[in-house]
C-alpha atoms as a PDB file:
ATOM      1  CA  UNK A   1     109.545  74.641  63.796  1.00  0.00           C
ATOM      2  CA  UNK A   2     107.120  76.869  65.689  1.00  0.00           C
ATOM      3  CA  UNK A   3     108.076  79.699  67.993  1.00  0.00           C
ATOM      4  CA  UNK A   4     107.980  79.260  71.754  1.00  0.00           C
ATOM      5  CA  UNK A   5     104.842  80.588  73.394  1.00  0.00           C
ATOM      6  CA  UNK A   6     105.040  82.842  76.399  1.00  0.00           C
ATOM      7  CA  UNK A   7     107.447  85.402  77.729  1.00  0.00           C
ATOM      8  CA  UNK A   8     109.570  85.881  80.841  1.00  0.00           C
ATOM      9  CA  UNK A   9     106.564  85.599  83.181  1.00  0.00           C
ATOM     10  CA  UNK A  10     105.060  82.455  81.608  1.00  0.00           C
ATOM     11  CA  UNK A  11     103.939  79.864  84.168  1.00  0.00           C
ATOM     12  CA  UNK A  12     103.979  82.257  87.126  1.00  0.00           C
ATOM     13  CA  UNK A  13     100.241  82.699  87.635  1.00  0.00           C
ATOM     14  CA  UNK A  14     100.215  80.921  90.996  1.00  0.00           C
ATOM     15  CA  UNK A  15     103.858  81.517  91.899  1.00  0.00           C
ATOM     16  CA  UNK A  16     103.629  85.310  92.014  1.00  0.00           C
ATOM     17  CA  UNK A  17     100.038  85.688  93.181  1.00  0.00           C
ATOM     18  CA  UNK A  18      99.355  87.816  96.253  1.00  0.00           C
ATOM     19  CA  UNK A  19      97.090  86.697  99.058  1.00  0.00           C
ATOM     20  CA  UNK A  20      93.808  88.673  99.215  1.00  0.00           C
ATOM     21  CA  UNK A  21      94.753  90.596 102.391  1.00  0.00           C
ATOM     22  CA  UNK A  22      98.094  91.730 100.973  1.00  0.00           C
ATOM     23  CA  UNK A  23      96.703  93.167  97.738  1.00  0.00           C
ATOM     24  CA  UNK A  24      96.633  96.897  97.132  1.00  0.00           C
ATOM     25  CA  UNK A  25      99.240  99.606  97.417  1.00  0.00           C
ATOM     26  CA  UNK A  26     102.856  98.772  98.135  1.00  0.00           C
ATOM     27  CA  UNK A  27     104.273  99.942 101.447  1.00  0.00           C
ATOM     28  CA  UNK A  28     106.722 102.812 101.098  1.00  0.00           C
ATOM     29  CA  UNK A  29     109.069 101.293 103.700  1.00  0.00           C
ATOM     30  CA  UNK A  30     109.509  98.155 101.600  1.00  0.00           C
ATOM     31  CA  UNK A  31     109.987 100.204  98.425  1.00  0.00           C
ATOM     32  CA  UNK A  32     112.821 102.298  99.908  1.00  0.00           C
ATOM     33  CA  UNK A  33     114.348  99.677 102.242  1.00  0.00           C
ATOM     34  CA  UNK A  34     118.091 100.347 102.637  1.00  0.00           C
ATOM     35  CA  UNK A  35     120.517  97.439 102.277  1.00  0.00           C
ATOM     36  CA  UNK A  36     124.244  97.434 103.018  1.00  0.00           C
ATOM     37  CA  UNK A  37     126.937  95.378 101.311  1.00  0.00           C
ATOM     38  CA  UNK A  38     127.079  92.024 103.089  1.00  0.00           C
ATOM     39  CA  UNK A  39     123.407  91.932 104.105  1.00  0.00           C
ATOM     40  CA  UNK A  40     121.556  88.675 103.473  1.00  0.00           C
ATOM     41  CA  UNK A  41     118.213  88.824 101.679  1.00  0.00           C
ATOM     42  CA  UNK A  42     115.609  86.419 100.304  1.00  0.00           C
ATOM     43  CA  UNK A  43     114.051  86.948  96.884  1.00  0.00           C
ATOM     44  CA  UNK A  44     110.317  87.413  97.322  1.00  0.00           C
ATOM     45  CA  UNK A  45     108.645  88.919  94.255  1.00  0.00           C
ATOM     46  CA  UNK A  46     105.971  91.581  94.512  1.00  0.00           C
ATOM     47  CA  UNK A  47     103.817  91.070  91.402  1.00  0.00           C
ATOM     48  CA  UNK A  48     102.481  94.644  91.533  1.00  0.00           C
ATOM     49  CA  UNK A  49     105.934  95.930  90.492  1.00  0.00           C
ATOM     50  CA  UNK A  50     107.439  94.552  87.270  1.00  0.00           C
ATOM     51  CA  UNK A  51     110.540  96.751  87.466  1.00  0.00           C
ATOM     52  CA  UNK A  52     113.800  94.798  88.015  1.00  0.00           C
ATOM     53  CA  UNK A  53     112.009  91.499  88.488  1.00  0.00           C
ATOM     54  CA  UNK A  54     114.218  88.405  88.464  1.00  0.00           C
ATOM     55  CA  UNK A  55     113.568  85.115  86.647  1.00  0.00           C
ATOM     56  CA  UNK A  56     111.099  82.736  88.281  1.00  0.00           C
ATOM     57  CA  UNK A  57     113.749  80.071  89.005  1.00  0.00           C
ATOM     58  CA  UNK A  58     115.301  82.366  91.647  1.00  0.00           C
ATOM     59  CA  UNK A  59     112.062  82.814  93.632  1.00  0.00           C
ATOM     60  CA  UNK A  60     112.619  82.042  97.327  1.00  0.00           C
ATOM     61  CA  UNK A  61     116.419  81.848  97.057  1.00  0.00           C
ATOM     62  CA  UNK A  62     118.661  83.656  99.526  1.00  0.00           C
ATOM     63  CA  UNK A  63     121.662  85.723  98.581  1.00  0.00           C
ATOM     64  CA  UNK A  64     124.147  88.358  99.697  1.00  0.00           C
ATOM     65  CA  UNK A  65     124.082  92.027  98.681  1.00  0.00           C
ATOM     66  CA  UNK A  66     127.343  92.817  96.870  1.00  0.00           C
ATOM     67  CA  UNK A  67     126.634  96.312  95.532  1.00  0.00           C
ATOM     68  CA  UNK A  68     124.158  98.891  94.367  1.00  0.00           C
ATOM     69  CA  UNK A  69     123.173  99.808  90.828  1.00  0.00           C
ATOM     70  CA  UNK A  70     120.907 102.840  90.616  1.00  0.00           C
ATOM     71  CA  UNK A  71     117.825 102.195  92.763  1.00  0.00           C
ATOM     72  CA  UNK A  72     118.449  98.438  92.636  1.00  0.00           C
ATOM     73  CA  UNK A  73     120.851  96.125  94.430  1.00  0.00           C
ATOM     74  CA  UNK A  74     123.226  93.492  93.108  1.00  0.00           C
ATOM     75  CA  UNK A  75     122.494  90.191  94.830  1.00  0.00           C
ATOM     76  CA  UNK A  76     124.854  87.193  94.676  1.00  0.00           C
ATOM     77  CA  UNK A  77     122.833  83.946  94.552  1.00  0.00           C
ATOM     78  CA  UNK A  78     123.989  80.333  94.244  1.00  0.00           C
ATOM     79  CA  UNK A  79     122.067  78.529  91.499  1.00  0.00           C
ATOM     80  CA  UNK A  80     122.971  74.964  90.564  1.00  0.00           C
ATOM     81  CA  UNK A  81     126.412  75.202  92.160  1.00  0.00           C
ATOM     82  CA  UNK A  82     127.301  78.455  90.386  1.00  0.00           C
ATOM     83  CA  UNK A  83     127.288  81.983  91.764  1.00  0.00           C
ATOM     84  CA  UNK A  84     125.071  84.345  89.807  1.00  0.00           C
ATOM     85  CA  UNK A  85     124.563  88.068  90.234  1.00  0.00           C
ATOM     86  CA  UNK A  86     121.052  89.480  89.948  1.00  0.00           C
ATOM     87  CA  UNK A  87     120.039  93.122  89.781  1.00  0.00           C
ATOM     88  CA  UNK A  88     116.914  93.332  91.931  1.00  0.00           C
ATOM     89  CA  UNK A  89     114.681  96.169  93.111  1.00  0.00           C
ATOM     90  CA  UNK A  90     114.390  96.313  96.938  1.00  0.00           C
ATOM     91  CA  UNK A  91     110.617  95.724  96.772  1.00  0.00           C
ATOM     92  CA  UNK A  92     111.393  92.140  95.655  1.00  0.00           C
ATOM     93  CA  UNK A  93     113.789  91.474  98.556  1.00  0.00           C
ATOM     94  CA  UNK A  94     113.251  90.599 102.207  1.00  0.00           C
ATOM     95  CA  UNK A  95     115.972  91.011 104.839  1.00  0.00           C
ATOM     96  CA  UNK A  96     117.210  88.010 106.785  1.00  0.00           C
ATOM     97  CA  UNK A  97     117.607  89.198 110.372  1.00  0.00           C
ATOM     98  CA  UNK A  98     119.609  86.229 111.704  1.00  0.00           C
ATOM     99  CA  UNK A  99     122.555  86.741 109.353  1.00  0.00           C
END
């Protein structure tokens, strides 16, 4: 039996591609965005930063911030009927204002 080809980012060429006008340096405000416990956030990967990047199946999912771990936040996401906790850098999260 042969080994599986590809790593954690296999098949994400188009999924995590930036639009031409958004390429370049990352905004400092997004990098240091503060979140409180109970805030709702959507997972939106920034491909320029590989640090604390979640698995591709969680892309676009919404979750609730349940804690902080170092510079990153613990996000509770429902995946396939189960609650899962992800450790995500704030540059890969986007606040939901309505909730």
